[in-house]
């Protein structure tokens, strides 16, 4: 059942005010020493998961889409950020220390599947014993394998998991096409693989192919960006450039990125795959540009980024099917529910991350084997 919002404008302003205050409270100075360090990529992951969560709440959990607007219109940008950062992270890691194909699969697929299996078994059990929802053996088997060919928010066990199947495809072919000498060629091959899949348009993916269409560019772009950015060892020149009179063009560039970000989100052309992909990609790259140049750190984004994958895995069924917050709130307090859920997400994400790390350690008996 959808949550009723009695006054979306007031609730949105209340949430935005408190969230912004918390964000500012945990903001710290940040010195630019690298072009794209892990700290920034983690911040961006945190922002990406917040974009997705806000969109799911504003458009699919409540009965008035004005709630949380305009924070709700950037889910596509959030998904692109996840894909871009995945491509970037894999490539930067491979360029630093090349893994064999077998090592790659053991390391990457284990980190992908262990938290996923924790989530999927928990929801299969809860759905059966609490909600009396019975999944067919075929559906349950495909779900355990990570194969999701539908994205029905209200009937699937966890509709956002179409993303897992999508990125799993990239993970499976990545070690076979990766080239340390020519990362750009790897990016091109990965994009062509996605393009050919869309052109083929298999019947089994009919319900998710549109989502694939608007996101096939982000992962290859991350691979391409890593091949370029990792050639530059530090960003001290940008730190010096941002001081004194020379800071004027520095801040003009940041303003330009912000303008592109706002413009591309307003003119996102949702429903037109090519234009939606282009605008979403422009918004994503603009945001990456801002974060690479900024001189402050957003600790709140960083905390969400640490557990972004775990939060993505469990957030929607928890809010929709097992809501334990909104149903106890009085009218006009819906915004408090968002804040409480965000806190719950951090706690569960932390616990799930620790449990996954423990399981991996027990499986491989070597501390740090799966560390980034």
Protein backbone atom coordinates (compact mmCIF):
# COMPACT_ATOMS: atom_id res chain seq x y z
CA UNK A 1 0.00 0.00 0.00
CA UNK A 2 1.29 3.46 -0.92
CA UNK A 3 2.09 5.96 1.82
CA UNK A 4 -0.29 8.95 1.85
CA UNK A 5 1.35 12.37 1.80
CA UNK A 6 -0.94 15.11 3.09
CA UNK A 7 1.31 18.11 2.41
CA UNK A 8 4.17 17.19 0.05
CA UNK A 9 5.60 20.72 -0.22
CA UNK A 10 5.97 21.25 3.54
CA UNK A 11 7.24 17.70 4.07
CA UNK A 12 9.84 18.12 1.32
CA UNK A 13 11.08 21.45 2.73
CA UNK A 14 11.27 19.96 6.22
CA UNK A 15 13.29 16.99 5.04
CA UNK A 16 15.56 19.12 2.82
CA UNK A 17 16.30 21.51 5.68
CA UNK A 18 17.26 18.79 8.14
CA UNK A 19 19.20 16.74 5.57
CA UNK A 20 21.13 19.80 4.38
CA UNK A 21 21.98 20.72 7.98
CA UNK A 22 23.34 17.22 8.62
CA UNK A 23 25.28 17.29 5.34
CA UNK A 24 26.90 20.64 6.25
CA UNK A 25 27.59 19.51 9.82
CA UNK A 26 29.78 16.68 8.55
CA UNK A 27 31.52 18.67 5.82
CA UNK A 28 35.28 19.03 6.11
CA UNK A 29 38.06 20.73 4.06
CA UNK A 30 39.54 18.49 1.38
CA UNK A 31 42.95 18.94 -0.23
CA UNK A 32 43.20 18.02 -3.90
CA UNK A 33 46.23 15.72 -4.22
CA UNK A 34 44.94 13.11 -6.68
CA UNK A 35 42.67 13.42 -9.67
CA UNK A 36 40.19 10.77 -8.63
CA UNK A 37 41.11 9.10 -5.30
CA UNK A 38 39.10 6.28 -3.71
CA UNK A 39 37.63 8.71 -1.18
CA UNK A 40 35.90 10.66 -3.95
CA UNK A 41 34.62 7.54 -5.70
CA UNK A 42 33.13 6.41 -2.38
CA UNK A 43 31.47 9.80 -1.93
CA UNK A 44 29.95 9.51 -5.39
CA UNK A 45 28.65 6.02 -4.62
CA UNK A 46 26.95 7.47 -1.56
CA UNK A 47 25.36 10.23 -3.60
CA UNK A 48 24.28 7.67 -6.21
CA UNK A 49 22.45 5.46 -3.72
CA UNK A 50 20.72 8.49 -2.20
CA UNK A 51 19.52 9.54 -5.66
CA UNK A 52 18.06 6.08 -6.21
CA UNK A 53 16.43 5.84 -2.77
CA UNK A 54 14.85 9.31 -3.06
CA UNK A 55 13.46 8.42 -6.48
CA UNK A 56 11.97 5.15 -5.28
CA UNK A 57 10.32 6.92 -2.35
CA UNK A 58 9.02 9.92 -4.28
CA UNK A 59 7.69 8.11 -7.34
CA UNK A 60 6.78 4.63 -6.12
CA UNK A 61 6.35 4.52 -2.33
CA UNK A 62 4.17 7.59 -1.73
CA UNK A 63 0.96 8.68 -3.44
CA UNK A 64 2.17 12.15 -4.46
CA UNK A 65 5.20 12.51 -6.72
CA UNK A 66 5.75 16.08 -5.53
CA UNK A 67 7.22 14.69 -2.32
CA UNK A 68 11.03 15.04 -2.32
CA UNK A 69 10.98 16.69 -5.77
CA UNK A 70 13.45 17.53 -7.38
CA UNK A 71 15.60 15.03 -5.46
CA UNK A 72 13.55 12.27 -7.07
CA UNK A 73 14.41 12.90 -10.72
CA UNK A 74 18.00 11.63 -10.69
CA UNK A 75 17.68 7.85 -10.29
CA UNK A 76 19.05 7.29 -13.80
CA UNK A 77 22.07 9.43 -12.97
CA UNK A 78 22.58 7.39 -9.81
CA UNK A 79 22.54 4.11 -11.75
CA UNK A 80 24.97 5.56 -14.29
CA UNK A 81 27.27 6.63 -11.47
CA UNK A 82 27.31 3.09 -10.07
CA UNK A 83 28.14 1.66 -13.49
CA UNK A 84 30.76 4.32 -14.26
CA UNK A 85 32.48 3.86 -10.89
CA UNK A 86 32.41 0.07 -11.27
CA UNK A 87 34.13 0.30 -14.66
CA UNK A 88 36.58 2.83 -13.27
CA UNK A 89 37.36 0.79 -10.15
CA UNK A 90 37.89 -2.48 -12.00
CA UNK A 91 40.19 -0.87 -14.53
CA UNK A 92 42.21 1.16 -12.01
CA UNK A 93 42.68 -2.01 -9.97
CA UNK A 94 43.73 -4.07 -12.99
CA UNK A 95 46.16 -1.39 -14.11
CA UNK A 96 47.74 -1.33 -10.65
CA UNK A 97 47.90 -5.12 -10.23
CA UNK A 98 46.76 -7.41 -12.99
CA UNK A 99 44.78 -10.45 -11.87
CA UNK A 100 44.44 -13.61 -13.89
CA UNK A 101 40.95 -14.37 -15.15
CA UNK A 102 40.47 -16.99 -12.45
CA UNK A 103 41.68 -14.58 -9.73
CA UNK A 104 39.41 -11.88 -11.11
CA UNK A 105 36.34 -14.09 -10.97
CA UNK A 106 37.13 -15.41 -7.48
CA UNK A 107 37.67 -11.95 -6.10
CA UNK A 108 35.01 -9.91 -7.88
CA UNK A 109 32.18 -12.38 -8.13
CA UNK A 110 32.53 -13.41 -4.49
CA UNK A 111 32.27 -9.77 -3.39
CA UNK A 112 29.25 -9.36 -5.64
CA UNK A 113 27.42 -12.55 -4.67
CA UNK A 114 28.00 -12.99 -0.92
CA UNK A 115 26.00 -9.92 0.22
CA UNK A 116 23.50 -10.58 -2.55
CA UNK A 117 22.89 -14.16 -1.35
CA UNK A 118 22.46 -12.93 2.22
CA UNK A 119 19.77 -10.54 1.03
CA UNK A 120 17.97 -12.91 -1.35
CA UNK A 121 17.70 -15.78 1.15
CA UNK A 122 16.44 -13.43 3.87
CA UNK A 123 13.71 -12.04 1.62
CA UNK A 124 12.73 -15.46 0.26
CA UNK A 125 12.27 -16.70 3.83
CA UNK A 126 10.49 -13.59 5.09
CA UNK A 127 8.17 -13.46 2.09
CA UNK A 128 7.19 -17.09 2.61
CA UNK A 129 6.68 -17.15 6.38
CA UNK A 130 5.45 -13.60 7.04
CA UNK A 131 3.65 -12.51 3.87
CA UNK A 132 2.87 -16.04 2.63
CA UNK A 133 4.27 -15.23 -0.81
CA UNK A 134 5.39 -18.37 -2.63
CA UNK A 135 7.87 -18.07 -5.47
CA UNK A 136 8.04 -20.78 -8.13
CA UNK A 137 11.18 -22.96 -8.08
CA UNK A 138 12.19 -21.48 -11.45
CA UNK A 139 11.84 -17.90 -10.18
CA UNK A 140 13.69 -18.67 -6.93
CA UNK A 141 16.45 -20.50 -8.80
CA UNK A 142 16.96 -17.65 -11.25
CA UNK A 143 16.94 -15.16 -8.37
CA UNK A 144 19.64 -17.08 -6.50
CA UNK A 145 21.78 -17.07 -9.65
CA UNK A 146 21.27 -13.32 -9.98
CA UNK A 147 19.13 -13.50 -13.12
CA UNK A 148 16.33 -10.92 -13.09
CA UNK A 149 14.37 -10.33 -16.27
CA UNK A 150 11.65 -8.17 -14.74
CA UNK A 151 11.68 -4.89 -12.82
CA UNK A 152 8.20 -4.81 -11.31
CA UNK A 153 8.47 -2.72 -8.14
CA UNK A 154 5.32 -4.14 -6.59
CA UNK A 155 5.48 -7.85 -7.45
CA UNK A 156 9.09 -8.94 -7.93
CA UNK A 157 11.06 -10.07 -4.93
CA UNK A 158 13.32 -7.04 -5.35
CA UNK A 159 12.85 -5.14 -8.60
CA UNK A 160 16.04 -2.97 -8.46
CA UNK A 161 18.02 -6.18 -8.93
CA UNK A 162 17.72 -5.89 -12.71
CA UNK A 163 20.93 -3.91 -12.19
CA UNK A 164 22.72 -6.96 -10.75
CA UNK A 165 22.06 -9.01 -13.88
CA UNK A 166 23.16 -6.10 -16.05
CA UNK A 167 26.48 -5.50 -14.31
CA UNK A 168 27.08 -9.24 -13.92
CA UNK A 169 27.25 -9.40 -17.72
CA UNK A 170 30.03 -6.83 -17.70
CA UNK A 171 31.89 -8.69 -14.97
CA UNK A 172 31.76 -11.95 -16.92
CA UNK A 173 33.24 -10.57 -20.13
CA UNK A 174 35.56 -7.94 -18.62
CA UNK A 175 38.67 -10.12 -17.99
CA UNK A 176 38.45 -11.46 -21.55
CA UNK A 177 38.49 -8.05 -23.23
CA UNK A 178 40.64 -6.01 -20.85
CA UNK A 179 43.92 -4.66 -22.26
CA UNK A 180 46.46 -2.98 -19.98
CA UNK A 181 48.10 -1.27 -22.96
CA UNK A 182 44.87 -0.15 -24.61
CA UNK A 183 42.09 0.44 -22.05
CA UNK A 184 40.29 2.53 -24.65
CA UNK A 185 39.97 -0.57 -26.82
CA UNK A 186 38.53 -2.51 -23.87
CA UNK A 187 35.98 0.27 -23.36
CA UNK A 188 35.00 0.16 -27.03
CA UNK A 189 34.54 -3.62 -27.01
CA UNK A 190 32.42 -3.44 -23.86
CA UNK A 191 30.21 -0.78 -25.39
CA UNK A 192 29.82 -2.79 -28.61
CA UNK A 193 28.84 -5.84 -26.55
CA UNK A 194 26.07 -3.84 -24.89
CA UNK A 195 24.99 -2.34 -28.19
CA UNK A 196 24.79 -5.73 -29.89
CA UNK A 197 22.73 -7.09 -27.00
CA UNK A 198 20.24 -4.27 -27.43
CA UNK A 199 20.12 -4.75 -31.20
CA UNK A 200 19.51 -8.46 -30.67
CA UNK A 201 16.75 -7.62 -28.18
CA UNK A 202 16.19 -11.17 -26.87
CA UNK A 203 12.65 -11.98 -25.81
CA UNK A 204 13.79 -12.96 -22.33
CA UNK A 205 14.91 -9.40 -21.64
CA UNK A 206 11.85 -7.66 -23.08
CA UNK A 207 10.83 -6.28 -19.69
CA UNK A 208 14.22 -4.75 -18.86
CA UNK A 209 15.75 -3.98 -22.26
CA UNK A 210 14.73 -0.32 -22.03
CA UNK A 211 16.75 0.02 -18.82
CA UNK A 212 19.72 -1.53 -20.59
CA UNK A 213 19.34 0.90 -23.48
CA UNK A 214 19.70 4.00 -21.32
CA UNK A 215 22.66 2.70 -19.31
CA UNK A 216 25.01 0.87 -21.72
CA UNK A 217 27.42 3.79 -22.01
CA UNK A 218 28.32 4.35 -18.35
CA UNK A 219 30.43 1.26 -17.58
CA UNK A 220 32.62 1.54 -20.72
CA UNK A 221 33.10 5.25 -19.97
CA UNK A 222 34.38 4.30 -16.53
CA UNK A 223 36.90 1.95 -18.12
CA UNK A 224 37.97 4.68 -20.55
CA UNK A 225 38.27 7.27 -17.77
CA UNK A 226 40.46 5.00 -15.66
CA UNK A 227 42.83 4.40 -18.55
CA UNK A 228 43.24 8.15 -18.92
CA UNK A 229 43.11 9.47 -15.35
CA UNK A 230 45.46 6.90 -13.80
CA UNK A 231 48.26 8.20 -16.03
CA UNK A 232 48.32 11.38 -13.95
CA UNK A 233 49.87 10.78 -10.56
CA UNK A 234 48.70 13.86 -8.65
CA UNK A 235 46.58 16.96 -8.88
CA UNK A 236 48.77 19.44 -6.96
CA UNK A 237 48.65 21.81 -9.92
CA UNK A 238 44.87 22.07 -9.53
CA UNK A 239 45.25 22.84 -5.82
CA UNK A 240 47.57 25.74 -6.68
CA UNK A 241 45.35 26.84 -9.54
CA UNK A 242 42.38 27.21 -7.20
CA UNK A 243 44.09 29.95 -5.15
CA UNK A 244 44.35 33.70 -5.66
CA UNK A 245 43.27 35.46 -8.86
CA UNK A 246 43.82 32.33 -10.85
CA UNK A 247 40.91 30.78 -8.95
CA UNK A 248 38.40 32.63 -11.16
CA UNK A 249 38.53 30.16 -14.09
CA UNK A 250 38.63 27.30 -11.57
CA UNK A 251 35.30 28.31 -10.07
CA UNK A 252 33.86 29.17 -13.48
CA UNK A 253 34.54 25.60 -14.59
CA UNK A 254 32.80 24.24 -11.48
CA UNK A 255 29.85 26.56 -12.20
CA UNK A 256 29.79 25.26 -15.77
CA UNK A 257 29.67 21.66 -14.57
CA UNK A 258 26.82 22.51 -12.19
CA UNK A 259 24.90 24.23 -14.98
CA UNK A 260 25.27 21.17 -17.22
CA UNK A 261 24.14 18.94 -14.36
CA UNK A 262 20.98 20.95 -13.72
CA UNK A 263 20.21 21.43 -17.44
CA UNK A 264 20.61 17.74 -18.32
CA UNK A 265 18.37 16.66 -15.44
CA UNK A 266 15.64 19.13 -16.40
CA UNK A 267 15.82 18.10 -20.06
CA UNK A 268 16.26 14.40 -19.42
CA UNK A 269 13.85 13.32 -22.20
CA UNK A 270 12.61 10.29 -20.28
CA UNK A 271 10.94 7.87 -22.68
CA UNK A 272 13.33 8.56 -25.55
CA UNK A 273 16.17 6.04 -24.99
CA UNK A 274 18.94 7.78 -26.96
CA UNK A 275 18.31 11.24 -25.55
CA UNK A 276 17.73 9.90 -22.05
CA UNK A 277 21.06 8.10 -22.24
CA UNK A 278 22.87 11.20 -23.50
CA UNK A 279 21.37 13.56 -20.92
CA UNK A 280 21.89 11.12 -18.07
CA UNK A 281 25.51 10.63 -19.13
CA UNK A 282 26.10 14.39 -19.34
CA UNK A 283 24.63 14.80 -15.85
CA UNK A 284 26.83 12.00 -14.52
CA UNK A 285 30.05 13.35 -16.06
CA UNK A 286 29.24 16.87 -14.86
CA UNK A 287 28.84 15.57 -11.33
CA UNK A 288 32.11 13.65 -11.56
CA UNK A 289 33.80 16.86 -12.73
CA UNK A 290 32.48 18.82 -9.74
CA UNK A 291 33.62 16.17 -7.27
CA UNK A 292 37.08 15.96 -8.82
CA UNK A 293 37.57 19.71 -8.40
CA UNK A 294 35.82 20.42 -5.08
CA UNK A 295 37.85 21.31 -1.98
CA UNK A 296 35.48 19.98 0.66
CA UNK A 297 34.59 16.45 1.68
CA UNK A 298 31.05 15.28 2.35
CA UNK A 299 31.37 12.72 5.12
CA UNK A 300 27.68 11.87 4.94
CA UNK A 301 28.00 10.85 1.28
CA UNK A 302 31.13 8.88 2.16
CA UNK A 303 29.33 6.86 4.86
CA UNK A 304 26.52 5.98 2.49
CA UNK A 305 29.09 5.16 -0.18
CA UNK A 306 30.80 2.61 2.05
CA UNK A 307 27.61 0.56 2.20
CA UNK A 308 25.98 1.67 -1.06
CA UNK A 309 25.88 -1.82 -2.60
CA UNK A 310 24.32 -3.38 0.49
CA UNK A 311 21.76 -0.57 0.71
CA UNK A 312 20.89 -1.02 -2.95
CA UNK A 313 20.30 -4.72 -2.35
CA UNK A 314 17.77 -4.46 0.47
CA UNK A 315 16.25 -0.95 0.57
CA UNK A 316 13.13 -1.32 -1.59
CA UNK A 317 11.46 -4.47 -0.13
CA UNK A 318 12.22 -3.18 3.35
CA UNK A 319 10.33 0.05 2.72
CA UNK A 320 7.50 -1.31 0.59
CA UNK A 321 6.67 -4.82 1.82
CA UNK A 322 8.03 -4.65 5.37
CA UNK A 323 7.46 -1.01 6.25
CA UNK A 324 7.88 -0.55 9.99
CA UNK A 325 8.24 3.24 10.10
CA UNK A 326 5.71 5.03 7.91
CA UNK A 327 2.71 3.14 9.25
CA UNK A 328 3.43 4.46 12.74
CA UNK A 329 3.92 8.11 11.76
CA UNK A 330 1.26 10.77 12.09
CA UNK A 331 0.20 12.84 9.02
CA UNK A 332 2.69 15.52 7.94
CA UNK A 333 5.55 13.53 9.50
CA UNK A 334 6.40 11.53 6.41
CA UNK A 335 9.69 13.39 6.02
CA UNK A 336 10.80 12.02 9.40
CA UNK A 337 10.27 8.55 7.95
CA UNK A 338 12.82 9.26 5.23
CA UNK A 339 15.42 10.32 7.79
CA UNK A 340 14.74 7.28 9.96
CA UNK A 341 14.99 4.92 7.01
CA UNK A 342 18.30 6.47 5.95
CA UNK A 343 19.63 5.82 9.45
CA UNK A 344 18.32 2.23 9.35
CA UNK A 345 19.95 1.74 5.94
CA UNK A 346 23.33 2.79 7.31
CA UNK A 347 23.03 0.42 10.26
CA UNK A 348 21.89 -2.57 8.20
CA UNK A 349 24.44 -1.76 5.48
CA UNK A 350 27.22 -1.72 8.06
CA UNK A 351 26.06 -5.01 9.59
CA UNK A 352 25.65 -6.66 6.19
CA UNK A 353 29.09 -5.48 5.09
CA UNK A 354 30.74 -6.83 8.24
CA UNK A 355 28.96 -10.17 7.93
CA UNK A 356 29.89 -10.47 4.24
CA UNK A 357 33.54 -9.70 5.06
CA UNK A 358 33.53 -12.35 7.78
CA UNK A 359 32.05 -14.96 5.43
CA UNK A 360 34.64 -14.17 2.76
CA UNK A 361 37.41 -14.42 5.31
CA UNK A 362 36.17 -17.83 6.42
CA UNK A 363 35.89 -19.00 2.82
CA UNK A 364 39.38 -18.01 1.78
CA UNK A 365 41.22 -18.08 5.11
CA UNK A 366 43.36 -15.14 4.19
CA UNK A 367 42.72 -11.73 5.67
CA UNK A 368 42.60 -8.91 3.17
CA UNK A 369 42.39 -11.11 0.07
CA UNK A 370 39.26 -9.32 -1.07
CA UNK A 371 40.21 -5.84 0.06
CA UNK A 372 40.14 -3.11 -2.58
